[in-house]
Amino acid sequence: MSALPTLTYNADGLIPCIVQDADTCEVLMMAWMNAESLALTLEQGEMVFWSRSRQELWHKGTTSGNVQKLVELRYDCDADTLLALVHPAGPACHTGARTCFYRTIDQT
């Protein structure tokens, strides 16, 4: 395994992670990661995030079974945002929707 790049975390020690279905390219969700959740994700091969509301690590799918198997992890040109390509085992959203981005804003 190659060394991790130097990533830019915010003042709270977090970095945003956009999660995308590796097969369909559909954006599933956005969540926050810290250095520990990133390390666990790479170690376990499943997405682990940092829950800002609960102030704890959050292994996606622990309670729902809807784990997200990591296929590839990318970072942007500023090294301040992650993109996780995953194989989802079920819906990404806590509402049961396949993606958290199922609502639109009316442009009128």
C-alpha atoms as a PDB file:
ATOM      1  CA  MET A   1       0.000   0.000   0.000  1.00  0.00           C
ATOM      2  CA  SER A   2       1.340   3.409  -0.913  1.00  0.00           C
ATOM      3  CA  ALA A   3       1.635   6.227   1.583  1.00  0.00           C
ATOM      4  CA  LEU A   4      -1.402   8.441   2.093  1.00  0.00           C
ATOM      5  CA  PRO A   5      -1.225  11.838   0.414  1.00  0.00           C
ATOM      6  CA  THR A   6      -1.182  14.923   2.567  1.00  0.00           C
ATOM      7  CA  LEU A   7      -4.841  15.867   2.849  1.00  0.00           C
ATOM      8  CA  THR A   8      -6.289  19.168   4.027  1.00  0.00           C
ATOM      9  CA  TYR A   9      -8.775  18.756   6.864  1.00  0.00           C
ATOM     10  CA  ASN A  10     -10.974  21.607   8.120  1.00  0.00           C
ATOM     11  CA  ALA A  11     -10.603  23.247  11.541  1.00  0.00           C
ATOM     12  CA  ASP A  12     -12.593  20.382  13.109  1.00  0.00           C
ATOM     13  CA  GLY A  13     -10.224  17.781  11.644  1.00  0.00           C
ATOM     14  CA  LEU A  14     -12.761  16.683   9.029  1.00  0.00           C
ATOM     15  CA  ILE A  15     -12.757  16.272   5.266  1.00  0.00           C
ATOM     16  CA  PRO A  16     -15.880  15.901   3.083  1.00  0.00           C
ATOM     17  CA  CYS A  17     -16.316  12.630   1.241  1.00  0.00           C
ATOM     18  CA  ILE A  18     -18.642  12.296  -1.732  1.00  0.00           C
ATOM     19  CA  VAL A  19     -19.803   8.702  -2.205  1.00  0.00           C
ATOM     20  CA  GLN A  20     -20.562   7.509  -5.719  1.00  0.00           C
ATOM     21  CA  ASP A  21     -21.771   4.154  -7.053  1.00  0.00           C
ATOM     22  CA  ALA A  22     -18.785   2.671  -8.909  1.00  0.00           C
ATOM     23  CA  ASP A  23     -21.008   1.023 -11.534  1.00  0.00           C
ATOM     24  CA  THR A  24     -23.700   3.631 -12.242  1.00  0.00           C
ATOM     25  CA  CYS A  25     -21.724   6.785 -11.303  1.00  0.00           C
ATOM     26  CA  GLU A  26     -24.767   7.981  -9.334  1.00  0.00           C
ATOM     27  CA  VAL A  27     -23.863  10.228  -6.395  1.00  0.00           C
ATOM     28  CA  LEU A  28     -25.189   8.424  -3.321  1.00  0.00           C
ATOM     29  CA  MET A  29     -24.324  10.651  -0.389  1.00  0.00           C
ATOM     30  CA  MET A  30     -21.881  13.049   1.207  1.00  0.00           C
ATOM     31  CA  ALA A  31     -20.429  12.451   4.654  1.00  0.00           C
ATOM     32  CA  TRP A  32     -17.507  13.624   6.761  1.00  0.00           C
ATOM     33  CA  MET A  33     -14.346  11.685   7.512  1.00  0.00           C
ATOM     34  CA  ASN A  34     -11.527  12.261   9.959  1.00  0.00           C
ATOM     35  CA  ALA A  35      -8.078  10.676   9.869  1.00  0.00           C
ATOM     36  CA  GLU A  36      -9.255   7.699  11.939  1.00  0.00           C
ATOM     37  CA  SER A  37     -12.318   6.960   9.800  1.00  0.00           C
ATOM     38  CA  LEU A  38     -10.174   7.233   6.668  1.00  0.00           C
ATOM     39  CA  ALA A  39      -7.643   4.771   8.076  1.00  0.00           C
ATOM     40  CA  LEU A  40     -10.419   2.344   9.080  1.00  0.00           C
ATOM     41  CA  THR A  41     -12.033   2.631   5.647  1.00  0.00           C
ATOM     42  CA  LEU A  42      -8.767   1.723   3.943  1.00  0.00           C
ATOM     43  CA  GLU A  43      -8.093  -1.086   6.425  1.00  0.00           C
ATOM     44  CA  GLN A  44     -11.579  -2.644   6.320  1.00  0.00           C
ATOM     45  CA  GLY A  45     -12.510  -1.943   2.693  1.00  0.00           C
ATOM     46  CA  GLU A  46     -15.885  -0.548   3.784  1.00  0.00           C
ATOM     47  CA  MET A  47     -16.872   3.054   4.325  1.00  0.00           C
ATOM     48  CA  VAL A  48     -16.430   4.463   7.811  1.00  0.00           C
ATOM     49  CA  PHE A  49     -17.350   8.092   8.473  1.00  0.00           C
ATOM     50  CA  TRP A  50     -17.376  10.576  11.344  1.00  0.00           C
ATOM     51  CA  SER A  51     -20.835  11.473  12.632  1.00  0.00           C
ATOM     52  CA  ARG A  52     -20.853  15.140  13.574  1.00  0.00           C
ATOM     53  CA  SER A  53     -24.221  14.848  15.339  1.00  0.00           C
ATOM     54  CA  ARG A  54     -23.202  11.850  17.471  1.00  0.00           C
ATOM     55  CA  GLN A  55     -19.498  12.746  17.683  1.00  0.00           C
ATOM     56  CA  GLU A  56     -18.459   9.175  16.929  1.00  0.00           C
ATOM     57  CA  LEU A  57     -17.235   6.902  14.183  1.00  0.00           C
ATOM     58  CA  TRP A  58     -19.979   5.580  11.914  1.00  0.00           C
ATOM     59  CA  HIS A  59     -19.432   2.356   9.955  1.00  0.00           C
ATOM     60  CA  LYS A  60     -21.984   2.738   7.157  1.00  0.00           C
ATOM     61  CA  GLY A  61     -24.447  -0.144   7.281  1.00  0.00           C
ATOM     62  CA  THR A  62     -23.767  -1.345  10.828  1.00  0.00           C
ATOM     63  CA  THR A  63     -27.427  -1.074  11.780  1.00  0.00           C
ATOM     64  CA  SER A  64     -29.104  -1.153   8.340  1.00  0.00           C
ATOM     65  CA  GLY A  65     -26.917  -3.729   6.603  1.00  0.00           C
ATOM     66  CA  ASN A  66     -26.431  -1.264   3.750  1.00  0.00           C
ATOM     67  CA  VAL A  67     -22.635  -1.326   3.799  1.00  0.00           C
ATOM     68  CA  GLN A  68     -20.623   0.350   1.095  1.00  0.00           C
ATOM     69  CA  LYS A  69     -17.674  -1.688  -0.190  1.00  0.00           C
ATOM     70  CA  LEU A  70     -14.816   0.583  -1.196  1.00  0.00           C
ATOM     71  CA  VAL A  71     -13.675   0.182  -4.802  1.00  0.00           C
ATOM     72  CA  GLU A  72     -11.474   3.261  -5.117  1.00  0.00           C
ATOM     73  CA  LEU A  73     -10.761   6.392  -3.106  1.00  0.00           C
ATOM     74  CA  ARG A  74      -9.792   9.570  -4.923  1.00  0.00           C
ATOM     75  CA  TYR A  75      -8.977  13.095  -3.773  1.00  0.00           C
ATOM     76  CA  ASP A  76      -9.354  16.420  -5.568  1.00  0.00           C
ATOM     77  CA  CYS A  77      -6.710  18.830  -6.853  1.00  0.00           C
ATOM     78  CA  ASP A  78      -6.717  20.828  -3.589  1.00  0.00           C
ATOM     79  CA  ALA A  79      -6.541  17.639  -1.496  1.00  0.00           C
ATOM     80  CA  ASP A  80      -9.496  18.857   0.575  1.00  0.00           C
ATOM     81  CA  THR A  81     -12.311  16.619  -0.691  1.00  0.00           C
ATOM     82  CA  LEU A  82     -12.543  12.861  -1.122  1.00  0.00           C
ATOM     83  CA  LEU A  83     -14.484  10.844  -3.689  1.00  0.00           C
ATOM     84  CA  ALA A  84     -15.270   7.258  -2.738  1.00  0.00           C
ATOM     85  CA  LEU A  85     -16.333   4.864  -5.479  1.00  0.00           C
ATOM     86  CA  VAL A  86     -18.298   2.063  -3.841  1.00  0.00           C
ATOM     87  CA  HIS A  87     -20.445  -0.987  -4.369  1.00  0.00           C
ATOM     88  CA  PRO A  88     -23.488  -0.299  -2.166  1.00  0.00           C
ATOM     89  CA  ALA A  89     -25.336  -3.193  -0.517  1.00  0.00           C
ATOM     90  CA  GLY A  90     -28.560  -1.180  -0.388  1.00  0.00           C
ATOM     91  CA  PRO A  91     -29.948   2.327  -0.129  1.00  0.00           C
ATOM     92  CA  ALA A  92     -27.517   5.049   0.918  1.00  0.00           C
ATOM     93  CA  CYS A  93     -30.070   7.330   2.559  1.00  0.00           C
ATOM     94  CA  HIS A  94     -31.506   6.834   6.040  1.00  0.00           C
ATOM     95  CA  THR A  95     -34.944   7.512   4.475  1.00  0.00           C
ATOM     96  CA  GLY A  96     -34.639   4.347   2.418  1.00  0.00           C
ATOM     97  CA  ALA A  97     -33.982   6.226  -0.832  1.00  0.00           C
ATOM     98  CA  ARG A  98     -31.200   4.853  -3.020  1.00  0.00           C
ATOM     99  CA  THR A  99     -29.418   8.215  -2.886  1.00  0.00           C
ATOM    100  CA  CYS A 100     -29.549  11.091  -0.416  1.00  0.00           C
ATOM    101  CA  PHE A 101     -29.914  13.426  -3.414  1.00  0.00           C
ATOM    102  CA  TYR A 102     -33.476  12.577  -4.393  1.00  0.00           C
ATOM    103  CA  ARG A 103     -35.013  16.056  -4.005  1.00  0.00           C
ATOM    104  CA  THR A 104     -34.814  18.989  -6.406  1.00  0.00           C
ATOM    105  CA  ILE A 105     -35.130  22.725  -5.938  1.00  0.00           C
ATOM    106  CA  ASP A 106     -37.793  24.371  -8.116  1.00  0.00           C
ATOM    107  CA  GLN A 107     -36.179  26.881 -10.464  1.00  0.00           C
ATOM    108  CA  THR A 108     -39.246  29.092 -10.883  1.00  0.00           C
END
